[in-house]
C-alpha atoms as a PDB file:
ATOM      1  CA  MET A   1     107.805 137.387 104.056  1.00  0.00           C
ATOM      2  CA  SER A   2     104.304 136.191 103.037  1.00  0.00           C
ATOM      3  CA  GLU A   3     103.704 132.476 102.751  1.00  0.00           C
ATOM      4  CA  PRO A   4     102.991 130.794  99.433  1.00  0.00           C
ATOM      5  CA  SER A   5      99.461 130.545  98.018  1.00  0.00           C
ATOM      6  CA  PRO A   6      97.844 127.217  99.101  1.00  0.00           C
ATOM      7  CA  TYR A   7      96.694 126.803  95.501  1.00  0.00           C
ATOM      8  CA  ALA A   8     100.210 127.179  94.165  1.00  0.00           C
ATOM      9  CA  ILE A   9     101.343 124.474  96.704  1.00  0.00           C
ATOM     10  CA  ILE A  10      98.468 122.207  95.616  1.00  0.00           C
ATOM     11  CA  ALA A  11      99.373 122.761  91.965  1.00  0.00           C
ATOM     12  CA  GLN A  12     102.805 121.306  92.646  1.00  0.00           C
ATOM     13  CA  VAL A  13     101.366 117.944  93.800  1.00  0.00           C
ATOM     14  CA  PHE A  14      97.993 117.758  92.130  1.00  0.00           C
ATOM     15  CA  ASP A  15      98.874 115.669  89.057  1.00  0.00           C
ATOM     16  CA  GLN A  16     100.863 113.221  91.106  1.00  0.00           C
ATOM     17  CA  VAL A  17      98.060 112.904  93.755  1.00  0.00           C
ATOM     18  CA  ARG A  18      95.293 112.622  91.035  1.00  0.00           C
ATOM     19  CA  ASP A  19      97.118 109.736  89.353  1.00  0.00           C
ATOM     20  CA  MET A  20      98.052 107.804  92.477  1.00  0.00           C
ATOM     21  CA  ASP A  21      96.685 104.246  92.906  1.00  0.00           C
ATOM     22  CA  ALA A  22      95.221 105.016  96.348  1.00  0.00           C
ATOM     23  CA  PRO A  23      91.783 105.683  97.853  1.00  0.00           C
ATOM     24  CA  LEU A  24      90.368 109.126  97.282  1.00  0.00           C
ATOM     25  CA  SER A  25      90.561 109.812 101.076  1.00  0.00           C
ATOM     26  CA  VAL A  26      94.261 109.166 101.086  1.00  0.00           C
ATOM     27  CA  ARG A  27      94.865 111.518  98.101  1.00  0.00           C
ATOM     28  CA  LEU A  28      92.664 114.227  99.557  1.00  0.00           C
ATOM     29  CA  ARG A  29      94.610 114.052 102.832  1.00  0.00           C
ATOM     30  CA  LEU A  30      97.947 114.350 101.001  1.00  0.00           C
ATOM     31  CA  MET A  31      96.777 117.613  99.452  1.00  0.00           C
ATOM     32  CA  ALA A  32      95.538 118.997 102.762  1.00  0.00           C
ATOM     33  CA  GLU A  33      98.828 118.076 104.464  1.00  0.00           C
ATOM     34  CA  ALA A  34     100.865 119.854 101.717  1.00  0.00           C
ATOM     35  CA  VAL A  35      98.743 122.978 102.456  1.00  0.00           C
ATOM     36  CA  LYS A  36      99.194 122.722 106.168  1.00  0.00           C
ATOM     37  CA  LYS A  37     102.906 122.361 105.838  1.00  0.00           C
ATOM     38  CA  GLY A  38     103.418 125.135 103.097  1.00  0.00           C
ATOM     39  CA  SER A  39     100.663 127.532 103.976  1.00  0.00           C
ATOM     40  CA  PRO A  40      99.861 127.214 107.655  1.00  0.00           C
ATOM     41  CA  ARG A  41      98.074 130.585 107.962  1.00  0.00           C
ATOM     42  CA  PHE A  42      95.600 129.469 105.343  1.00  0.00           C
ATOM     43  CA  ALA A  43      95.292 126.073 106.844  1.00  0.00           C
ATOM     44  CA  ASP A  44      94.468 127.568 110.274  1.00  0.00           C
ATOM     45  CA  ALA A  45      91.772 129.674 108.592  1.00  0.00           C
ATOM     46  CA  VAL A  46      90.266 126.650 106.983  1.00  0.00           C
ATOM     47  CA  GLU A  47      90.192 124.854 110.419  1.00  0.00           C
ATOM     48  CA  GLU A  48      88.342 127.819 111.818  1.00  0.00           C
ATOM     49  CA  LEU A  49      85.852 127.786 109.000  1.00  0.00           C
ATOM     50  CA  VAL A  50      85.225 124.084 109.207  1.00  0.00           C
ATOM     51  CA  GLY A  51      84.688 124.312 112.898  1.00  0.00           C
ATOM     52  CA  ARG A  52      82.149 127.090 112.460  1.00  0.00           C
ATOM     53  CA  LEU A  53      80.243 125.062 109.866  1.00  0.00           C
ATOM     54  CA  GLU A  54      80.327 121.956 112.167  1.00  0.00           C
ATOM     55  CA  ARG A  55      78.963 123.929 115.072  1.00  0.00           C
ATOM     56  CA  SER A  56      76.224 125.450 113.020  1.00  0.00           C
ATOM     57  CA  GLY A  57      75.081 122.089 111.797  1.00  0.00           C
ATOM     58  CA  VAL A  58      75.297 122.731 108.097  1.00  0.00           C
ATOM     59  CA  GLY A  59      74.250 119.633 106.199  1.00  0.00           C
ATOM     60  CA  GLN A  60      72.862 117.795 109.193  1.00  0.00           C
ATOM     61  CA  THR A  61      69.259 118.026 108.014  1.00  0.00           C
ATOM     62  CA  ALA A  62      70.022 117.365 104.322  1.00  0.00           C
ATOM     63  CA  PRO A  63      68.051 114.392 103.073  1.00  0.00           C
ATOM     64  CA  ARG A  64      68.879 111.254 104.980  1.00  0.00           C
ATOM     65  CA  VAL A  65      68.728 107.661 103.929  1.00  0.00           C
ATOM     66  CA  GLY A  66      65.108 106.609 103.541  1.00  0.00           C
ATOM     67  CA  GLU A  67      63.946 110.179 102.892  1.00  0.00           C
ATOM     68  CA  PRO A  68      62.861 111.576  99.539  1.00  0.00           C
ATOM     69  CA  MET A  69      65.270 113.738  97.550  1.00  0.00           C
ATOM     70  CA  PRO A  70      63.559 117.037  96.832  1.00  0.00           C
ATOM     71  CA  PRO A  71      63.043 117.645  93.143  1.00  0.00           C
ATOM     72  CA  PHE A  72      65.052 120.165  91.209  1.00  0.00           C
ATOM     73  CA  MET A  73      64.990 121.735  87.758  1.00  0.00           C
ATOM     74  CA  LEU A  74      68.351 123.351  86.805  1.00  0.00           C
ATOM     75  CA  PRO A  75      70.120 124.114  83.601  1.00  0.00           C
ATOM     76  CA  ASP A  76      73.043 121.930  82.422  1.00  0.00           C
ATOM     77  CA  GLN A  77      76.231 122.950  80.709  1.00  0.00           C
ATOM     78  CA  ASN A  78      74.315 123.324  77.476  1.00  0.00           C
ATOM     79  CA  GLY A  79      71.586 125.404  78.888  1.00  0.00           C
ATOM     80  CA  ARG A  80      69.120 122.628  78.907  1.00  0.00           C
ATOM     81  CA  LEU A  81      66.797 122.409  81.952  1.00  0.00           C
ATOM     82  CA  VAL A  82      67.207 119.037  83.773  1.00  0.00           C
ATOM     83  CA  ARG A  83      64.603 117.663  86.287  1.00  0.00           C
ATOM     84  CA  LEU A  84      65.333 115.029  88.966  1.00  0.00           C
ATOM     85  CA  GLY A  85      62.357 113.179  87.693  1.00  0.00           C
ATOM     86  CA  GLU A  86      63.824 113.026  84.193  1.00  0.00           C
ATOM     87  CA  VAL A  87      67.058 111.586  85.496  1.00  0.00           C
ATOM     88  CA  LEU A  88      65.251 108.894  87.533  1.00  0.00           C
ATOM     89  CA  GLN A  89      63.305 107.783  84.509  1.00  0.00           C
ATOM     90  CA  SER A  90      66.352 105.704  83.459  1.00  0.00           C
ATOM     91  CA  GLY A  91      66.916 104.275  86.942  1.00  0.00           C
ATOM     92  CA  PRO A  92      68.782 105.313  90.171  1.00  0.00           C
ATOM     93  CA  ALA A  93      70.856 108.440  90.185  1.00  0.00           C
ATOM     94  CA  MET A  94      74.071 109.656  91.723  1.00  0.00           C
ATOM     95  CA  ILE A  95      74.006 113.336  92.608  1.00  0.00           C
ATOM     96  CA  SER A  96      77.123 115.233  93.673  1.00  0.00           C
ATOM     97  CA  PHE A  97      77.526 118.737  94.845  1.00  0.00           C
ATOM     98  CA  HIS A  98      80.887 120.537  94.121  1.00  0.00           C
ATOM     99  CA  ARG A  99      82.104 123.976  95.107  1.00  0.00           C
ATOM    100  CA  GLY A 100      83.419 124.844  91.651  1.00  0.00           C
ATOM    101  CA  HIS A 101      86.109 124.501  89.012  1.00  0.00           C
ATOM    102  CA  TRP A 102      88.530 126.506  91.154  1.00  0.00           C
ATOM    103  CA  CYS A 103      88.533 123.995  94.017  1.00  0.00           C
ATOM    104  CA  PRO A 104      91.345 121.357  93.692  1.00  0.00           C
ATOM    105  CA  TYR A 105      89.528 119.007  96.161  1.00  0.00           C
ATOM    106  CA  CYS A 106      86.413 119.140  94.014  1.00  0.00           C
ATOM    107  CA  ARG A 107      88.463 118.595  90.843  1.00  0.00           C
ATOM    108  CA  LEU A 108      90.142 115.545  92.438  1.00  0.00           C
ATOM    109  CA  ALA A 109      86.749 114.187  93.623  1.00  0.00           C
ATOM    110  CA  ALA A 110      85.089 114.881  90.241  1.00  0.00           C
ATOM    111  CA  SER A 111      88.069 113.077  88.449  1.00  0.00           C
ATOM    112  CA  ALA A 112      87.512 110.056  90.605  1.00  0.00           C
ATOM    113  CA  LEU A 113      83.770 110.063  89.797  1.00  0.00           C
ATOM    114  CA  ALA A 114      84.458 110.480  86.118  1.00  0.00           C
ATOM    115  CA  ARG A 115      86.564 107.352  86.262  1.00  0.00           C
ATOM    116  CA  ALA A 116      83.567 105.410  87.546  1.00  0.00           C
ATOM    117  CA  GLN A 117      81.042 106.840  84.970  1.00  0.00           C
ATOM    118  CA  ASP A 118      81.376 103.802  82.653  1.00  0.00           C
ATOM    119  CA  ARG A 119      80.457 101.550  85.574  1.00  0.00           C
ATOM    120  CA  ILE A 120      77.440 103.701  86.514  1.00  0.00           C
ATOM    121  CA  GLY A 121      76.393 105.179  83.205  1.00  0.00           C
ATOM    122  CA  PRO A 122      76.474 108.964  82.527  1.00  0.00           C
ATOM    123  CA  ALA A 123      72.675 109.064  82.185  1.00  0.00           C
ATOM    124  CA  HIS A 124      72.509 108.254  85.932  1.00  0.00           C
ATOM    125  CA  MET A 125      74.997 110.920  87.113  1.00  0.00           C
ATOM    126  CA  VAL A 126      74.513 114.570  87.807  1.00  0.00           C
ATOM    127  CA  ALA A 127      76.858 117.142  89.337  1.00  0.00           C
ATOM    128  CA  ILE A 128      75.629 120.450  90.788  1.00  0.00           C
ATOM    129  CA  THR A 129      77.652 123.619  91.358  1.00  0.00           C
ATOM    130  CA  PRO A 130      76.850 127.255  92.055  1.00  0.00           C
ATOM    131  CA  GLU A 131      78.923 128.297  88.953  1.00  0.00           C
ATOM    132  CA  THR A 132      77.845 129.573  85.565  1.00  0.00           C
ATOM    133  CA  ARG A 133      77.851 127.368  82.520  1.00  0.00           C
ATOM    134  CA  SER A 134      81.273 128.673  81.259  1.00  0.00           C
ATOM    135  CA  TYR A 135      82.991 127.657  84.530  1.00  0.00           C
ATOM    136  CA  ASN A 136      81.190 124.418  84.740  1.00  0.00           C
ATOM    137  CA  ALA A 137      82.631 123.726  81.215  1.00  0.00           C
ATOM    138  CA  ARG A 138      86.091 124.278  82.734  1.00  0.00           C
ATOM    139  CA  LEU A 139      85.291 121.702  85.453  1.00  0.00           C
ATOM    140  CA  ILE A 140      84.168 119.227  82.795  1.00  0.00           C
ATOM    141  CA  ALA A 141      87.359 119.779  80.654  1.00  0.00           C
ATOM    142  CA  GLY A 142      89.686 119.458  83.601  1.00  0.00           C
ATOM    143  CA  THR A 143      88.178 116.231  85.009  1.00  0.00           C
ATOM    144  CA  GLY A 144      86.843 114.141  82.154  1.00  0.00           C
ATOM    145  CA  ILE A 145      83.230 114.369  83.296  1.00  0.00           C
ATOM    146  CA  GLY A 146      80.960 112.931  80.663  1.00  0.00           C
ATOM    147  CA  TYR A 147      77.687 113.596  82.398  1.00  0.00           C
ATOM    148  CA  ARG A 148      75.562 116.602  83.099  1.00  0.00           C
ATOM    149  CA  VAL A 149      76.856 119.456  85.242  1.00  0.00           C
ATOM    150  CA  LEU A 150      74.067 121.678  86.553  1.00  0.00           C
ATOM    151  CA  THR A 151      74.098 125.300  87.648  1.00  0.00           C
ATOM    152  CA  ASP A 152      72.440 126.035  90.889  1.00  0.00           C
ATOM    153  CA  PRO A 153      71.924 129.857  90.846  1.00  0.00           C
ATOM    154  CA  ASP A 154      72.778 131.443  94.120  1.00  0.00           C
ATOM    155  CA  SER A 155      72.971 127.914  95.559  1.00  0.00           C
ATOM    156  CA  GLY A 156      69.247 128.062  95.898  1.00  0.00           C
ATOM    157  CA  TYR A 157      68.707 124.314  95.595  1.00  0.00           C
ATOM    158  CA  ALA A 158      71.584 123.507  97.975  1.00  0.00           C
ATOM    159  CA  LEU A 159      70.234 126.152 100.467  1.00  0.00           C
ATOM    160  CA  SER A 160      66.824 124.340 100.401  1.00  0.00           C
ATOM    161  CA  LEU A 161      68.587 121.247 101.457  1.00  0.00           C
ATOM    162  CA  ASN A 162      70.625 122.995 104.182  1.00  0.00           C
ATOM    163  CA  LEU A 163      73.694 122.212 102.092  1.00  0.00           C
ATOM    164  CA  ALA A 164      74.956 125.772 101.601  1.00  0.00           C
ATOM    165  CA  PHE A 165      76.479 128.641 103.726  1.00  0.00           C
ATOM    166  CA  TRP A 166      77.613 132.121 103.422  1.00  0.00           C
ATOM    167  CA  LEU A 167      81.335 132.542 103.241  1.00  0.00           C
ATOM    168  CA  ASP A 168      82.186 135.352 105.757  1.00  0.00           C
ATOM    169  CA  ASP A 169      83.918 138.540 104.818  1.00  0.00           C
ATOM    170  CA  ALA A 170      87.171 137.588 106.511  1.00  0.00           C
ATOM    171  CA  PHE A 171      87.540 134.301 104.630  1.00  0.00           C
ATOM    172  CA  ALA A 172      86.374 135.995 101.397  1.00  0.00           C
ATOM    173  CA  ALA A 173      89.124 138.480 101.808  1.00  0.00           C
ATOM    174  CA  LEU A 174      91.607 135.725 102.427  1.00  0.00           C
ATOM    175  CA  MET A 175      90.490 133.959  99.177  1.00  0.00           C
ATOM    176  CA  ARG A 176      90.924 137.249  97.322  1.00  0.00           C
ATOM    177  CA  SER A 177      94.450 137.645  98.761  1.00  0.00           C
ATOM    178  CA  VAL A 178      95.440 134.336  97.022  1.00  0.00           C
ATOM    179  CA  GLY A 179      93.968 135.358  93.798  1.00  0.00           C
ATOM    180  CA  LEU A 180      90.410 133.873  93.955  1.00  0.00           C
ATOM    181  CA  ASP A 181      87.318 135.987  93.694  1.00  0.00           C
ATOM    182  CA  LEU A 182      84.471 133.414  93.860  1.00  0.00           C
ATOM    183  CA  SER A 183      81.913 136.158  93.067  1.00  0.00           C
ATOM    184  CA  ALA A 184      83.175 136.249  89.466  1.00  0.00           C
ATOM    185  CA  PHE A 185      82.256 132.654  88.954  1.00  0.00           C
ATOM    186  CA  GLN A 186      78.683 132.609  90.255  1.00  0.00           C
ATOM    187  CA  THR A 187      75.472 133.980  88.771  1.00  0.00           C
ATOM    188  CA  ARG A 188      74.888 137.052  90.958  1.00  0.00           C
ATOM    189  CA  GLY A 189      78.280 137.501  92.625  1.00  0.00           C
ATOM    190  CA  ALA A 190      77.347 135.658  95.730  1.00  0.00           C
ATOM    191  CA  TRP A 191      79.850 134.294  98.227  1.00  0.00           C
ATOM    192  CA  VAL A 192      77.585 131.308  99.036  1.00  0.00           C
ATOM    193  CA  LEU A 193      79.008 127.742  98.703  1.00  0.00           C
ATOM    194  CA  PRO A 194      77.528 124.304  98.890  1.00  0.00           C
ATOM    195  CA  VAL A 195      78.863 121.719 101.377  1.00  0.00           C
ATOM    196  CA  PRO A 196      80.332 119.032  99.099  1.00  0.00           C
ATOM    197  CA  ALA A 197      77.969 116.060  99.262  1.00  0.00           C
ATOM    198  CA  SER A 198      76.929 112.942  97.325  1.00  0.00           C
ATOM    199  CA  PHE A 199      73.634 111.187  97.312  1.00  0.00           C
ATOM    200  CA  VAL A 200      72.496 107.877  95.658  1.00  0.00           C
ATOM    201  CA  VAL A 201      68.841 108.067  94.947  1.00  0.00           C
ATOM    202  CA  ASP A 202      66.674 105.047  93.900  1.00  0.00           C
ATOM    203  CA  ARG A 203      64.243 105.165  90.962  1.00  0.00           C
ATOM    204  CA  ARG A 204      61.514 106.137  93.362  1.00  0.00           C
ATOM    205  CA  GLY A 205      63.391 109.225  94.452  1.00  0.00           C
ATOM    206  CA  VAL A 206      64.381 107.950  97.841  1.00  0.00           C
ATOM    207  CA  VAL A 207      67.921 108.392  99.233  1.00  0.00           C
ATOM    208  CA  VAL A 208      69.671 105.027  99.631  1.00  0.00           C
ATOM    209  CA  ALA A 209      73.203 106.401 100.447  1.00  0.00           C
ATOM    210  CA  ARG A 210      74.707 109.828 101.224  1.00  0.00           C
ATOM    211  CA  HIS A 211      77.887 111.488 102.250  1.00  0.00           C
ATOM    212  CA  VAL A 212      77.665 115.057 103.649  1.00  0.00           C
ATOM    213  CA  ASP A 213      80.675 116.730 105.380  1.00  0.00           C
ATOM    214  CA  PRO A 214      81.242 120.335 106.215  1.00  0.00           C
ATOM    215  CA  ASP A 215      84.962 119.724 105.836  1.00  0.00           C
ATOM    216  CA  TYR A 216      85.394 119.956 102.032  1.00  0.00           C
ATOM    217  CA  ARG A 217      88.762 117.998 102.317  1.00  0.00           C
ATOM    218  CA  ARG A 218      86.779 114.817 102.997  1.00  0.00           C
ATOM    219  CA  ARG A 219      84.633 113.171 100.350  1.00  0.00           C
ATOM    220  CA  ALA A 220      82.806 109.932  99.746  1.00  0.00           C
ATOM    221  CA  GLU A 221      84.796 106.973  98.477  1.00  0.00           C
ATOM    222  CA  VAL A 222      83.703 106.307  94.964  1.00  0.00           C
ATOM    223  CA  ASP A 223      83.568 102.574  95.394  1.00  0.00           C
ATOM    224  CA  ASP A 224      81.144 102.990  98.241  1.00  0.00           C
ATOM    225  CA  LEU A 225      78.887 105.112  96.019  1.00  0.00           C
ATOM    226  CA  VAL A 226      79.086 102.664  93.199  1.00  0.00           C
ATOM    227  CA  ALA A 227      78.202  99.751  95.512  1.00  0.00           C
ATOM    228  CA  ALA A 228      75.093 101.690  96.780  1.00  0.00           C
ATOM    229  CA  PHE A 229      74.085 102.493  93.193  1.00  0.00           C
ATOM    230  CA  GLU A 230      74.294  98.893  92.184  1.00  0.00           C
ATOM    231  CA  LEU A 231      72.168  97.766  95.053  1.00  0.00           C
ATOM    232  CA  ALA A 232      69.582 100.348  93.975  1.00  0.00           C
ATOM    233  CA  LEU A 233      69.300  98.937  90.461  1.00  0.00           C
END
């Protein structure tokens, strides 16, 4: 008998985990533990994928603290082109990379960031995904995001930062087997994903804080990002 879909398992606990009064790291870990218990074959494949990414050094050379954040010009959910320089005109910026609306870990992290948007200010926040506008709209609707979500076609910007990787055929087949065809969500049907990451950039365009981890189940604590942002003001 085949094991349950990991996404079906997460769906059973997602609302409870999302609404918990606990650090984001704890809530993410609870979801990962539910998948490991209920869908061990998928969990083992994830461990193999994460190990491959860690060995390959994906994300290691992404902009570090003290280095400039390379500029971008990407369309937002309304089709308007947004430049990094434009965002920085109003002060420091918080930039987050998400895999897409389909990823429950991204939805949980985005929901946590959305809860902090009144403390930071939506004008200072930008999210970037490889998904088309219609799917970014789903991410916005499902998380309460009130700031701009940008489409990074073919993960071109993320690739330029060493923040993206090709999802191998075996893992792509595994994703399809649980009902997810990521190529349907992206601009050219690519199976390229960004490493989830967060950057706080001061008004000069210099990175003052960052969190980059090939393991998508681990994300920056929002309070740490907020603290870095406030120091950059």
